[in-house]
PDB file of N, CA and C in Angstrom:
ATOM      1  N   UNK A   1      59.521 150.237  80.271  1.00  0.00           N
ATOM      2  CA  UNK A   1      59.318 150.671  81.642  1.00  0.00           C
ATOM      3  C   UNK A   1      59.967 149.700  82.610  1.00  0.00           C
ATOM      4  N   UNK A   2      60.511 150.248  83.653  1.00  0.00           N
ATOM      5  CA  UNK A   2      61.131 149.449  84.710  1.00  0.00           C
ATOM      6  C   UNK A   2      60.435 149.776  86.018  1.00  0.00           C
ATOM      7  N   UNK A   3      60.049 148.762  86.732  1.00  0.00           N
ATOM      8  CA  UNK A   3      59.454 148.957  88.052  1.00  0.00           C
ATOM      9  C   UNK A   3      60.429 148.437  89.101  1.00  0.00           C
ATOM     10  N   UNK A   4      60.544 149.187  90.188  1.00  0.00           N
ATOM     11  CA  UNK A   4      61.480 148.858  91.256  1.00  0.00           C
ATOM     12  C   UNK A   4      60.734 148.729  92.575  1.00  0.00           C
ATOM     13  N   UNK A   5      61.091 147.719  93.330  1.00  0.00           N
ATOM     14  CA  UNK A   5      60.477 147.511  94.639  1.00  0.00           C
ATOM     15  C   UNK A   5      61.586 147.331  95.666  1.00  0.00           C
ATOM     16  N   UNK A   6      61.641 148.265  96.619  1.00  0.00           N
ATOM     17  CA  UNK A   6      62.620 148.163  97.700  1.00  0.00           C
ATOM     18  C   UNK A   6      62.025 147.404  98.877  1.00  0.00           C
ATOM     19  N   UNK A   7      62.890 146.781  99.635  1.00  0.00           N
ATOM     20  CA  UNK A   7      62.477 146.115 100.866  1.00  0.00           C
ATOM     21  C   UNK A   7      63.675 146.051 101.805  1.00  0.00           C
ATOM     22  N   UNK A   8      63.390 145.706 103.060  1.00  0.00           N
ATOM     23  CA  UNK A   8      64.464 145.504 104.021  1.00  0.00           C
ATOM     24  C   UNK A   8      64.645 146.592 105.037  1.00  0.00           C
ATOM     25  N   UNK A   9      63.906 147.683 104.909  1.00  0.00           N
ATOM     26  CA  UNK A   9      64.027 148.747 105.892  1.00  0.00           C
ATOM     27  C   UNK A   9      63.407 148.341 107.224  1.00  0.00           C
ATOM     28  N   UNK A  10      63.606 149.191 108.217  1.00  0.00           N
ATOM     29  CA  UNK A  10      63.040 148.900 109.524  1.00  0.00           C
ATOM     30  C   UNK A  10      63.590 149.804 110.598  1.00  0.00           C
ATOM     31  N   UNK A  11      63.252 149.479 111.832  1.00  0.00           N
ATOM     32  CA  UNK A  11      63.711 150.224 112.999  1.00  0.00           C
ATOM     33  C   UNK A  11      64.772 149.389 113.716  1.00  0.00           C
ATOM     34  N   UNK A  12      65.960 149.972 113.861  1.00  0.00           N
ATOM     35  CA  UNK A  12      67.060 149.265 114.523  1.00  0.00           C
ATOM     36  C   UNK A  12      67.758 150.219 115.486  1.00  0.00           C
ATOM     37  N   UNK A  13      68.560 149.649 116.357  1.00  0.00           N
ATOM     38  CA  UNK A  13      69.360 150.463 117.267  1.00  0.00           C
ATOM     39  C   UNK A  13      70.694 150.818 116.621  1.00  0.00           C
ATOM     40  N   UNK A  14      71.287 151.875 117.102  1.00  0.00           N
ATOM     41  CA  UNK A  14      72.600 152.280 116.604  1.00  0.00           C
ATOM     42  C   UNK A  14      73.594 151.133 116.740  1.00  0.00           C
ATOM     43  N   UNK A  15      74.396 150.951 115.697  1.00  0.00           N
ATOM     44  CA  UNK A  15      75.376 149.872 115.676  1.00  0.00           C
ATOM     45  C   UNK A  15      74.898 148.618 114.978  1.00  0.00           C
ATOM     46  N   UNK A  16      73.612 148.537 114.717  1.00  0.00           N
ATOM     47  CA  UNK A  16      73.050 147.354 114.058  1.00  0.00           C
ATOM     48  C   UNK A  16      73.285 147.404 112.549  1.00  0.00           C
ATOM     49  N   UNK A  17      72.846 146.345 111.893  1.00  0.00           N
ATOM     50  CA  UNK A  17      72.975 146.224 110.444  1.00  0.00           C
ATOM     51  C   UNK A  17      71.617 145.991 109.807  1.00  0.00           C
ATOM     52  N   UNK A  18      71.502 146.408 108.566  1.00  0.00           N
ATOM     53  CA  UNK A  18      70.327 146.124 107.745  1.00  0.00           C
ATOM     54  C   UNK A  18      70.794 145.849 106.334  1.00  0.00           C
ATOM     55  N   UNK A  19      70.005 145.067 105.613  1.00  0.00           N
ATOM     56  CA  UNK A  19      70.288 144.818 104.199  1.00  0.00           C
ATOM     57  C   UNK A  19      69.045 145.199 103.403  1.00  0.00           C
ATOM     58  N   UNK A  20      69.204 146.199 102.554  1.00  0.00           N
ATOM     59  CA  UNK A  20      68.129 146.625 101.691  1.00  0.00           C
ATOM     60  C   UNK A  20      68.216 145.885 100.357  1.00  0.00           C
ATOM     61  N   UNK A  21      67.056 145.601  99.797  1.00  0.00           N
ATOM     62  CA  UNK A  21      66.984 144.966  98.496  1.00  0.00           C
ATOM     63  C   UNK A  21      66.169 145.827  97.547  1.00  0.00           C
ATOM     64  N   UNK A  22      66.508 145.738  96.274  1.00  0.00           N
ATOM     65  CA  UNK A  22      65.774 146.456  95.233  1.00  0.00           C
ATOM     66  C   UNK A  22      65.587 145.485  94.080  1.00  0.00           C
ATOM     67  N   UNK A  23      64.355 145.072  93.874  1.00  0.00           N
ATOM     68  CA  UNK A  23      64.045 144.136  92.796  1.00  0.00           C
ATOM     69  C   UNK A  23      63.498 144.908  91.609  1.00  0.00           C
ATOM     70  N   UNK A  24      64.068 144.646  90.440  1.00  0.00           N
ATOM     71  CA  UNK A  24      63.673 145.352  89.234  1.00  0.00           C
ATOM     72  C   UNK A  24      62.944 144.426  88.278  1.00  0.00           C
ATOM     73  N   UNK A  25      61.898 144.943  87.680  1.00  0.00           N
ATOM     74  CA  UNK A  25      61.220 144.238  86.600  1.00  0.00           C
ATOM     75  C   UNK A  25      61.442 145.041  85.333  1.00  0.00           C
ATOM     76  N   UNK A  26      61.860 144.380  84.313  1.00  0.00           N
ATOM     77  CA  UNK A  26      62.193 145.093  83.097  1.00  0.00           C
ATOM     78  C   UNK A  26      63.698 145.207  82.934  1.00  0.00           C
ATOM     79  N   UNK A  27      64.092 145.765  81.800  1.00  0.00           N
ATOM     80  CA  UNK A  27      65.511 145.843  81.469  1.00  0.00           C
ATOM     81  C   UNK A  27      66.231 146.880  82.319  1.00  0.00           C
ATOM     82  N   UNK A  28      67.367 146.491  82.843  1.00  0.00           N
ATOM     83  CA  UNK A  28      68.206 147.416  83.602  1.00  0.00           C
ATOM     84  C   UNK A  28      69.550 147.508  82.904  1.00  0.00           C
ATOM     85  N   UNK A  29      70.071 148.717  82.775  1.00  0.00           N
ATOM     86  CA  UNK A  29      71.378 148.902  82.175  1.00  0.00           C
ATOM     87  C   UNK A  29      72.039 150.116  82.791  1.00  0.00           C
ATOM     88  N   UNK A  30      73.206 150.450  82.249  1.00  0.00           N
ATOM     89  CA  UNK A  30      74.027 151.537  82.797  1.00  0.00           C
ATOM     90  C   UNK A  30      74.293 151.274  84.275  1.00  0.00           C
ATOM     91  N   UNK A  31      73.802 152.110  85.156  1.00  0.00           N
ATOM     92  CA  UNK A  31      74.091 151.921  86.577  1.00  0.00           C
ATOM     93  C   UNK A  31      72.809 151.928  87.392  1.00  0.00           C
ATOM     94  N   UNK A  32      72.934 151.431  88.584  1.00  0.00           N
ATOM     95  CA  UNK A  32      71.861 151.488  89.566  1.00  0.00           C
ATOM     96  C   UNK A  32      72.421 152.162  90.809  1.00  0.00           C
ATOM     97  N   UNK A  33      71.548 152.765  91.583  1.00  0.00           N
ATOM     98  CA  UNK A  33      72.043 153.555  92.709  1.00  0.00           C
ATOM     99  C   UNK A  33      71.080 153.531  93.877  1.00  0.00           C
ATOM    100  N   UNK A  34      71.627 153.851  95.023  1.00  0.00           N
ATOM    101  CA  UNK A  34      70.847 154.095  96.230  1.00  0.00           C
ATOM    102  C   UNK A  34      70.981 155.562  96.599  1.00  0.00           C
ATOM    103  N   UNK A  35      69.853 156.152  96.925  1.00  0.00           N
ATOM    104  CA  UNK A  35      69.800 157.505  97.469  1.00  0.00           C
ATOM    105  C   UNK A  35      69.012 157.437  98.774  1.00  0.00           C
ATOM    106  N   UNK A  36      69.105 158.503  99.539  1.00  0.00           N
ATOM    107  CA  UNK A  36      68.289 158.571 100.750  1.00  0.00           C
ATOM    108  C   UNK A  36      67.827 160.000 100.965  1.00  0.00           C
ATOM    109  N   UNK A  37      66.725 160.112 101.683  1.00  0.00           N
ATOM    110  CA  UNK A  37      66.182 161.439 101.968  1.00  0.00           C
ATOM    111  C   UNK A  37      65.644 161.457 103.388  1.00  0.00           C
ATOM    112  N   UNK A  38      66.234 162.311 104.194  1.00  0.00           N
ATOM    113  CA  UNK A  38      65.775 162.510 105.560  1.00  0.00           C
ATOM    114  C   UNK A  38      64.754 163.646 105.580  1.00  0.00           C
ATOM    115  N   UNK A  39      63.908 163.695 106.585  1.00  0.00           N
ATOM    116  CA  UNK A  39      62.895 164.751 106.664  1.00  0.00           C
ATOM    117  C   UNK A  39      63.523 166.137 106.607  1.00  0.00           C
ATOM    118  N   UNK A  40      62.994 166.966 105.731  1.00  0.00           N
ATOM    119  CA  UNK A  40      63.478 168.331 105.616  1.00  0.00           C
ATOM    120  C   UNK A  40      64.783 168.496 104.868  1.00  0.00           C
ATOM    121  N   UNK A  41      65.295 167.412 104.315  1.00  0.00           N
ATOM    122  CA  UNK A  41      66.568 167.477 103.597  1.00  0.00           C
ATOM    123  C   UNK A  41      66.385 167.048 102.152  1.00  0.00           C
ATOM    124  N   UNK A  42      67.362 167.394 101.330  1.00  0.00           N
ATOM    125  CA  UNK A  42      67.336 166.991  99.933  1.00  0.00           C
ATOM    126  C   UNK A  42      67.737 165.519  99.793  1.00  0.00           C
ATOM    127  N   UNK A  43      67.327 164.953  98.668  1.00  0.00           N
ATOM    128  CA  UNK A  43      67.723 163.572  98.387  1.00  0.00           C
ATOM    129  C   UNK A  43      69.247 163.511  98.226  1.00  0.00           C
ATOM    130  N   UNK A  44      69.847 162.506  98.840  1.00  0.00           N
ATOM    131  CA  UNK A  44      71.298 162.434  98.973  1.00  0.00           C
ATOM    132  C   UNK A  44      71.814 161.135  98.360  1.00  0.00           C
ATOM    133  N   UNK A  45      72.891 161.241  97.606  1.00  0.00           N
ATOM    134  CA  UNK A  45      73.527 160.069  97.011  1.00  0.00           C
ATOM    135  C   UNK A  45      74.163 159.202  98.093  1.00  0.00           C
ATOM    136  N   UNK A  46      73.974 157.890  97.957  1.00  0.00           N
ATOM    137  CA  UNK A  46      74.574 156.944  98.891  1.00  0.00           C
ATOM    138  C   UNK A  46      75.616 156.072  98.181  1.00  0.00           C
ATOM    139  N   UNK A  47      75.185 155.386  97.127  1.00  0.00           N
ATOM    140  CA  UNK A  47      76.095 154.493  96.413  1.00  0.00           C
ATOM    141  C   UNK A  47      75.521 154.181  95.046  1.00  0.00           C
ATOM    142  N   UNK A  48      76.412 153.825  94.132  1.00  0.00           N
ATOM    143  CA  UNK A  48      75.993 153.395  92.816  1.00  0.00           C
ATOM    144  C   UNK A  48      76.860 152.234  92.369  1.00  0.00           C
ATOM    145  N   UNK A  49      76.357 151.454  91.430  1.00  0.00           N
ATOM    146  CA  UNK A  49      77.101 150.315  90.916  1.00  0.00           C
ATOM    147  C   UNK A  49      76.765 150.160  89.443  1.00  0.00           C
ATOM    148  N   UNK A  50      77.773 149.921  88.619  1.00  0.00           N
ATOM    149  CA  UNK A  50      77.522 149.686  87.209  1.00  0.00           C
ATOM    150  C   UNK A  50      76.881 148.321  87.051  1.00  0.00           C
ATOM    151  N   UNK A  51      75.845 148.258  86.242  1.00  0.00           N
ATOM    152  CA  UNK A  51      75.064 147.018  86.196  1.00  0.00           C
ATOM    153  C   UNK A  51      75.867 145.860  85.603  1.00  0.00           C
ATOM    154  N   UNK A  52      76.564 146.099  84.520  1.00  0.00           N
ATOM    155  CA  UNK A  52      77.289 145.008  83.880  1.00  0.00           C
ATOM    156  C   UNK A  52      78.624 144.709  84.556  1.00  0.00           C
ATOM    157  N   UNK A  53      79.392 145.731  84.888  1.00  0.00           N
ATOM    158  CA  UNK A  53      80.713 145.506  85.458  1.00  0.00           C
ATOM    159  C   UNK A  53      80.727 145.364  86.965  1.00  0.00           C
ATOM    160  N   UNK A  54      79.676 145.800  87.637  1.00  0.00           N
ATOM    161  CA  UNK A  54      79.637 145.685  89.086  1.00  0.00           C
ATOM    162  C   UNK A  54      80.621 146.582  89.801  1.00  0.00           C
ATOM    163  N   UNK A  55      80.958 147.717  89.207  1.00  0.00           N
ATOM    164  CA  UNK A  55      81.914 148.634  89.820  1.00  0.00           C
ATOM    165  C   UNK A  55      81.167 149.596  90.738  1.00  0.00           C
ATOM    166  N   UNK A  56      81.509 149.611  92.031  1.00  0.00           N
ATOM    167  CA  UNK A  56      80.783 150.466  92.971  1.00  0.00           C
ATOM    168  C   UNK A  56      81.430 151.847  93.143  1.00  0.00           C
ATOM    169  N   UNK A  57      80.607 152.758  93.615  1.00  0.00           N
ATOM    170  CA  UNK A  57      81.079 154.091  93.968  1.00  0.00           C
ATOM    171  C   UNK A  57      80.240 154.524  95.161  1.00  0.00           C
ATOM    172  N   UNK A  58      80.911 155.093  96.165  1.00  0.00           N
ATOM    173  CA  UNK A  58      80.215 155.420  97.404  1.00  0.00           C
ATOM    174  C   UNK A  58      80.326 156.900  97.749  1.00  0.00           C
ATOM    175  N   UNK A  59      79.350 157.364  98.496  1.00  0.00           N
ATOM    176  CA  UNK A  59      79.451 158.696  99.063  1.00  0.00           C
ATOM    177  C   UNK A  59      80.562 158.691 100.113  1.00  0.00           C
ATOM    178  N   UNK A  60      81.296 159.781 100.156  1.00  0.00           N
ATOM    179  CA  UNK A  60      82.458 159.835 101.031  1.00  0.00           C
ATOM    180  C   UNK A  60      82.088 159.691 102.503  1.00  0.00           C
ATOM    181  N   UNK A  61      80.923 160.171 102.891  1.00  0.00           N
ATOM    182  CA  UNK A  61      80.588 160.174 104.312  1.00  0.00           C
ATOM    183  C   UNK A  61      80.371 158.761 104.863  1.00  0.00           C
ATOM    184  N   UNK A  62      80.206 157.760 103.981  1.00  0.00           N
ATOM    185  CA  UNK A  62      79.934 156.403 104.461  1.00  0.00           C
ATOM    186  C   UNK A  62      81.144 155.777 105.148  1.00  0.00           C
ATOM    187  N   UNK A  63      82.319 156.087 104.699  1.00  0.00           N
ATOM    188  CA  UNK A  63      83.555 155.593 105.318  1.00  0.00           C
ATOM    189  C   UNK A  63      83.555 154.087 105.488  1.00  0.00           C
ATOM    190  N   UNK A  64      83.107 153.381 104.456  1.00  0.00           N
ATOM    191  CA  UNK A  64      83.216 151.929 104.440  1.00  0.00           C
ATOM    192  C   UNK A  64      82.139 151.180 105.175  1.00  0.00           C
ATOM    193  N   UNK A  65      81.121 151.855 105.671  1.00  0.00           N
ATOM    194  CA  UNK A  65      80.092 151.167 106.453  1.00  0.00           C
ATOM    195  C   UNK A  65      79.076 150.434 105.582  1.00  0.00           C
ATOM    196  N   UNK A  66      78.863 150.916 104.366  1.00  0.00           N
ATOM    197  CA  UNK A  66      77.855 150.328 103.481  1.00  0.00           C
ATOM    198  C   UNK A  66      78.529 149.634 102.298  1.00  0.00           C
ATOM    199  N   UNK A  67      77.879 148.606 101.780  1.00  0.00           N
ATOM    200  CA  UNK A  67      78.353 147.902 100.595  1.00  0.00           C
ATOM    201  C   UNK A  67      77.209 147.696  99.628  1.00  0.00           C
ATOM    202  N   UNK A  68      77.412 148.128  98.382  1.00  0.00           N
ATOM    203  CA  UNK A  68      76.404 147.949  97.344  1.00  0.00           C
ATOM    204  C   UNK A  68      76.800 146.754  96.476  1.00  0.00           C
ATOM    205  N   UNK A  69      75.807 145.989  96.057  1.00  0.00           N
ATOM    206  CA  UNK A  69      76.055 144.841  95.190  1.00  0.00           C
ATOM    207  C   UNK A  69      74.837 144.644  94.295  1.00  0.00           C
ATOM    208  N   UNK A  70      75.007 143.820  93.273  1.00  0.00           N
ATOM    209  CA  UNK A  70      73.869 143.497  92.408  1.00  0.00           C
ATOM    210  C   UNK A  70      73.974 142.052  91.960  1.00  0.00           C
ATOM    211  N   UNK A  71      72.821 141.487  91.655  1.00  0.00           N
ATOM    212  CA  UNK A  71      72.733 140.125  91.161  1.00  0.00           C
ATOM    213  C   UNK A  71      72.013 140.192  89.823  1.00  0.00           C
ATOM    214  N   UNK A  72      72.776 140.033  88.747  1.00  0.00           N
ATOM    215  CA  UNK A  72      72.193 140.168  87.422  1.00  0.00           C
ATOM    216  C   UNK A  72      71.117 139.121  87.184  1.00  0.00           C
ATOM    217  N   UNK A  73      71.351 137.907  87.628  1.00  0.00           N
ATOM    218  CA  UNK A  73      70.391 136.826  87.402  1.00  0.00           C
ATOM    219  C   UNK A  73      69.045 137.127  88.066  1.00  0.00           C
ATOM    220  N   UNK A  74      69.102 137.793  89.202  1.00  0.00           N
ATOM    221  CA  UNK A  74      67.871 138.125  89.929  1.00  0.00           C
ATOM    222  C   UNK A  74      67.377 139.523  89.606  1.00  0.00           C
ATOM    223  N   UNK A  75      68.133 140.244  88.776  1.00  0.00           N
ATOM    224  CA  UNK A  75      67.765 141.616  88.422  1.00  0.00           C
ATOM    225  C   UNK A  75      67.537 142.451  89.680  1.00  0.00           C
ATOM    226  N   UNK A  76      68.442 142.307  90.601  1.00  0.00           N
ATOM    227  CA  UNK A  76      68.279 142.949  91.910  1.00  0.00           C
ATOM    228  C   UNK A  76      69.566 143.629  92.363  1.00  0.00           C
ATOM    229  N   UNK A  77      69.400 144.614  93.210  1.00  0.00           N
ATOM    230  CA  UNK A  77      70.512 145.341  93.813  1.00  0.00           C
ATOM    231  C   UNK A  77      70.325 145.327  95.318  1.00  0.00           C
ATOM    232  N   UNK A  78      71.439 145.407  96.033  1.00  0.00           N
ATOM    233  CA  UNK A  78      71.384 145.323  97.487  1.00  0.00           C
ATOM    234  C   UNK A  78      72.245 146.412  98.117  1.00  0.00           C
ATOM    235  N   UNK A  79      71.910 146.758  99.346  1.00  0.00           N
ATOM    236  CA  UNK A  79      72.735 147.679 100.116  1.00  0.00           C
ATOM    237  C   UNK A  79      72.890 147.101 101.513  1.00  0.00           C
ATOM    238  N   UNK A  80      74.070 146.615 101.814  1.00  0.00           N
ATOM    239  CA  UNK A  80      74.376 146.127 103.144  1.00  0.00           C
ATOM    240  C   UNK A  80      74.851 147.296 103.977  1.00  0.00           C
ATOM    241  N   UNK A  81      74.140 147.577 105.053  1.00  0.00           N
ATOM    242  CA  UNK A  81      74.443 148.723 105.888  1.00  0.00           C
ATOM    243  C   UNK A  81      74.869 148.218 107.267  1.00  0.00           C
ATOM    244  N   UNK A  82      76.082 148.524 107.639  1.00  0.00           N
ATOM    245  CA  UNK A  82      76.624 148.114 108.933  1.00  0.00           C
ATOM    246  C   UNK A  82      76.902 149.331 109.800  1.00  0.00           C
ATOM    247  N   UNK A  83      77.030 149.098 111.081  1.00  0.00           N
ATOM    248  CA  UNK A  83      77.357 150.161 112.045  1.00  0.00           C
ATOM    249  C   UNK A  83      76.445 151.364 111.848  1.00  0.00           C
ATOM    250  N   UNK A  84      75.174 151.108 111.802  1.00  0.00           N
ATOM    251  CA  UNK A  84      74.218 152.182 111.527  1.00  0.00           C
ATOM    252  C   UNK A  84      74.227 153.222 112.641  1.00  0.00           C
ATOM    253  N   UNK A  85      74.008 154.459 112.215  1.00  0.00           N
ATOM    254  CA  UNK A  85      73.988 155.598 113.130  1.00  0.00           C
ATOM    255  C   UNK A  85      72.629 156.292 113.047  1.00  0.00           C
ATOM    256  N   UNK A  86      72.255 157.021 114.076  1.00  0.00           N
ATOM    257  CA  UNK A  86      70.978 157.752 114.003  1.00  0.00           C
ATOM    258  C   UNK A  86      70.889 158.674 112.794  1.00  0.00           C
ATOM    259  N   UNK A  87      72.008 159.236 112.374  1.00  0.00           N
ATOM    260  CA  UNK A  87      71.981 160.139 111.211  1.00  0.00           C
ATOM    261  C   UNK A  87      71.772 159.391 109.896  1.00  0.00           C
ATOM    262  N   UNK A  88      71.762 158.065 109.921  1.00  0.00           N
ATOM    263  CA  UNK A  88      71.421 157.287 108.728  1.00  0.00           C
ATOM    264  C   UNK A  88      69.911 157.163 108.550  1.00  0.00           C
ATOM    265  N   UNK A  89      69.146 157.640 109.505  1.00  0.00           N
ATOM    266  CA  UNK A  89      67.693 157.585 109.415  1.00  0.00           C
ATOM    267  C   UNK A  89      67.204 158.369 108.205  1.00  0.00           C
ATOM    268  N   UNK A  90      66.452 157.700 107.347  1.00  0.00           N
ATOM    269  CA  UNK A  90      65.972 158.313 106.111  1.00  0.00           C
ATOM    270  C   UNK A  90      65.103 157.312 105.371  1.00  0.00           C
ATOM    271  N   UNK A  91      64.452 157.794 104.333  1.00  0.00           N
ATOM    272  CA  UNK A  91      63.830 156.897 103.359  1.00  0.00           C
ATOM    273  C   UNK A  91      64.893 156.614 102.300  1.00  0.00           C
ATOM    274  N   UNK A  92      65.110 155.344 102.053  1.00  0.00           N
ATOM    275  CA  UNK A  92      66.114 154.921 101.083  1.00  0.00           C
ATOM    276  C   UNK A  92      65.427 154.522  99.781  1.00  0.00           C
ATOM    277  N   UNK A  93      65.942 155.071  98.681  1.00  0.00           N
ATOM    278  CA  UNK A  93      65.376 154.829  97.364  1.00  0.00           C
ATOM    279  C   UNK A  93      66.401 154.148  96.472  1.00  0.00           C
ATOM    280  N   UNK A  94      65.939 153.220  95.655  1.00  0.00           N
ATOM    281  CA  UNK A  94      66.811 152.711  94.605  1.00  0.00           C
ATOM    282  C   UNK A  94      66.390 153.338  93.283  1.00  0.00           C
ATOM    283  N   UNK A  95      67.354 153.449  92.393  1.00  0.00           N
ATOM    284  CA  UNK A  95      67.138 154.057  91.095  1.00  0.00           C
ATOM    285  C   UNK A  95      67.984 153.325  90.066  1.00  0.00           C
ATOM    286  N   UNK A  96      67.465 153.218  88.853  1.00  0.00           N
ATOM    287  CA  UNK A  96      68.209 152.552  87.787  1.00  0.00           C
ATOM    288  C   UNK A  96      68.104 153.350  86.503  1.00  0.00           C
ATOM    289  N   UNK A  97      68.912 152.923  85.534  1.00  0.00           N
ATOM    290  CA  UNK A  97      68.835 153.561  84.224  1.00  0.00           C
ATOM    291  C   UNK A  97      69.538 154.890  84.170  1.00  0.00           C
ATOM    292  N   UNK A  98      70.627 155.012  84.910  1.00  0.00           N
ATOM    293  CA  UNK A  98      71.339 156.283  84.914  1.00  0.00           C
ATOM    294  C   UNK A  98      72.794 156.068  85.269  1.00  0.00           C
ATOM    295  N   UNK A  99      73.390 157.093  85.814  1.00  0.00           N
ATOM    296  CA  UNK A  99      74.802 157.013  86.189  1.00  0.00           C
ATOM    297  C   UNK A  99      75.113 158.116  87.193  1.00  0.00           C
ATOM    298  N   UNK A 100      76.177 157.919  87.932  1.00  0.00           N
ATOM    299  CA  UNK A 100      76.710 158.989  88.761  1.00  0.00           C
ATOM    300  C   UNK A 100      75.932 159.251  90.038  1.00  0.00           C
ATOM    301  N   UNK A 101      76.179 160.458  90.582  1.00  0.00           N
ATOM    302  CA  UNK A 101      75.696 160.828  91.911  1.00  0.00           C
ATOM    303  C   UNK A 101      74.453 161.696  91.924  1.00  0.00           C
ATOM    304  N   UNK A 102      73.996 162.139  90.775  1.00  0.00           N
ATOM    305  CA  UNK A 102      72.881 163.083  90.753  1.00  0.00           C
ATOM    306  C   UNK A 102      71.558 162.375  90.531  1.00  0.00           C
ATOM    307  N   UNK A 103      70.559 162.662  91.364  1.00  0.00           N
ATOM    308  CA  UNK A 103      69.259 161.999  91.204  1.00  0.00           C
ATOM    309  C   UNK A 103      68.653 162.208  89.813  1.00  0.00           C
ATOM    310  N   UNK A 104      68.837 163.385  89.255  1.00  0.00           N
ATOM    311  CA  UNK A 104      68.232 163.668  87.947  1.00  0.00           C
ATOM    312  C   UNK A 104      68.795 162.805  86.831  1.00  0.00           C
ATOM    313  N   UNK A 105      69.906 162.137  87.075  1.00  0.00           N
ATOM    314  CA  UNK A 105      70.507 161.283  86.056  1.00  0.00           C
ATOM    315  C   UNK A 105      69.805 159.949  85.887  1.00  0.00           C
ATOM    316  N   UNK A 106      68.892 159.611  86.812  1.00  0.00           N
ATOM    317  CA  UNK A 106      68.281 158.279  86.811  1.00  0.00           C
ATOM    318  C   UNK A 106      66.844 158.336  86.324  1.00  0.00           C
ATOM    319  N   UNK A 107      66.484 157.325  85.528  1.00  0.00           N
ATOM    320  CA  UNK A 107      65.177 157.326  84.876  1.00  0.00           C
ATOM    321  C   UNK A 107      64.076 156.698  85.735  1.00  0.00           C
ATOM    322  N   UNK A 108      64.415 155.690  86.529  1.00  0.00           N
ATOM    323  CA  UNK A 108      63.382 154.932  87.234  1.00  0.00           C
ATOM    324  C   UNK A 108      63.699 154.865  88.718  1.00  0.00           C
ATOM    325  N   UNK A 109      62.638 154.960  89.512  1.00  0.00           N
ATOM    326  CA  UNK A 109      62.782 155.025  90.965  1.00  0.00           C
ATOM    327  C   UNK A 109      61.806 154.076  91.648  1.00  0.00           C
ATOM    328  N   UNK A 110      62.245 153.544  92.778  1.00  0.00           N
ATOM    329  CA  UNK A 110      61.351 152.788  93.625  1.00  0.00           C
ATOM    330  C   UNK A 110      60.564 153.700  94.545  1.00  0.00           C
ATOM    331  N   UNK A 111      59.709 153.095  95.350  1.00  0.00           N
ATOM    332  CA  UNK A 111      58.834 153.870  96.223  1.00  0.00           C
ATOM    333  C   UNK A 111      59.512 154.255  97.530  1.00  0.00           C
ATOM    334  N   UNK A 112      60.637 153.635  97.821  1.00  0.00           N
ATOM    335  CA  UNK A 112      61.381 153.942  99.035  1.00  0.00           C
ATOM    336  C   UNK A 112      61.070 152.988 100.168  1.00  0.00           C
ATOM    337  N   UNK A 113      62.049 152.828 101.036  1.00  0.00           N
ATOM    338  CA  UNK A 113      61.872 152.015 102.244  1.00  0.00           C
ATOM    339  C   UNK A 113      62.463 152.794 103.421  1.00  0.00           C
ATOM    340  N   UNK A 114      61.724 152.829 104.514  1.00  0.00           N
ATOM    341  CA  UNK A 114      62.132 153.634 105.668  1.00  0.00           C
ATOM    342  C   UNK A 114      63.162 152.894 106.509  1.00  0.00           C
ATOM    343  N   UNK A 115      64.231 153.586 106.827  1.00  0.00           N
ATOM    344  CA  UNK A 115      65.233 153.093 107.768  1.00  0.00           C
ATOM    345  C   UNK A 115      65.278 154.071 108.934  1.00  0.00           C
ATOM    346  N   UNK A 116      65.053 153.558 110.128  1.00  0.00           N
ATOM    347  CA  UNK A 116      65.097 154.382 111.324  1.00  0.00           C
ATOM    348  C   UNK A 116      66.086 153.774 112.305  1.00  0.00           C
ATOM    349  N   UNK A 117      67.042 154.588 112.729  1.00  0.00           N
ATOM    350  CA  UNK A 117      68.077 154.124 113.646  1.00  0.00           C
ATOM    351  C   UNK A 117      67.936 154.901 114.949  1.00  0.00           C
ATOM    352  N   UNK A 118      67.686 154.179 116.018  1.00  0.00           N
ATOM    353  CA  UNK A 118      67.521 154.824 117.329  1.00  0.00           C
ATOM    354  C   UNK A 118      68.851 154.841 118.077  1.00  0.00           C
ATOM    355  N   UNK A 119      69.020 155.842 118.902  1.00  0.00           N
ATOM    356  CA  UNK A 119      70.274 155.982 119.658  1.00  0.00           C
ATOM    357  C   UNK A 119      70.232 155.232 120.974  1.00  0.00           C
TER     358      UNK A 119
END
């Protein structure tokens, strides 16, 4: 079993930055990912990174604003979010033990952290 704890969310103004963290307990392999879910919408892929190779993949709509990284020694993953927009408002979830862009591909999920961006 793997347990994930996200942190770093909050309320910020448009244009600000936030850094989300996801700490994992237990073995992590394959890839880890960030998803988000806004009220009334489906869970949406944000970014993923291969755990061993550190190769990232991003959703096209991000256009370079977010950066995903991981620290193997700390068993943690991060999402640096810059130039935040109101449409980035959502609950952000980390997931591990899977691959790709589909939520169903991942075995373990965190509880989510709220990101709210005001205009």
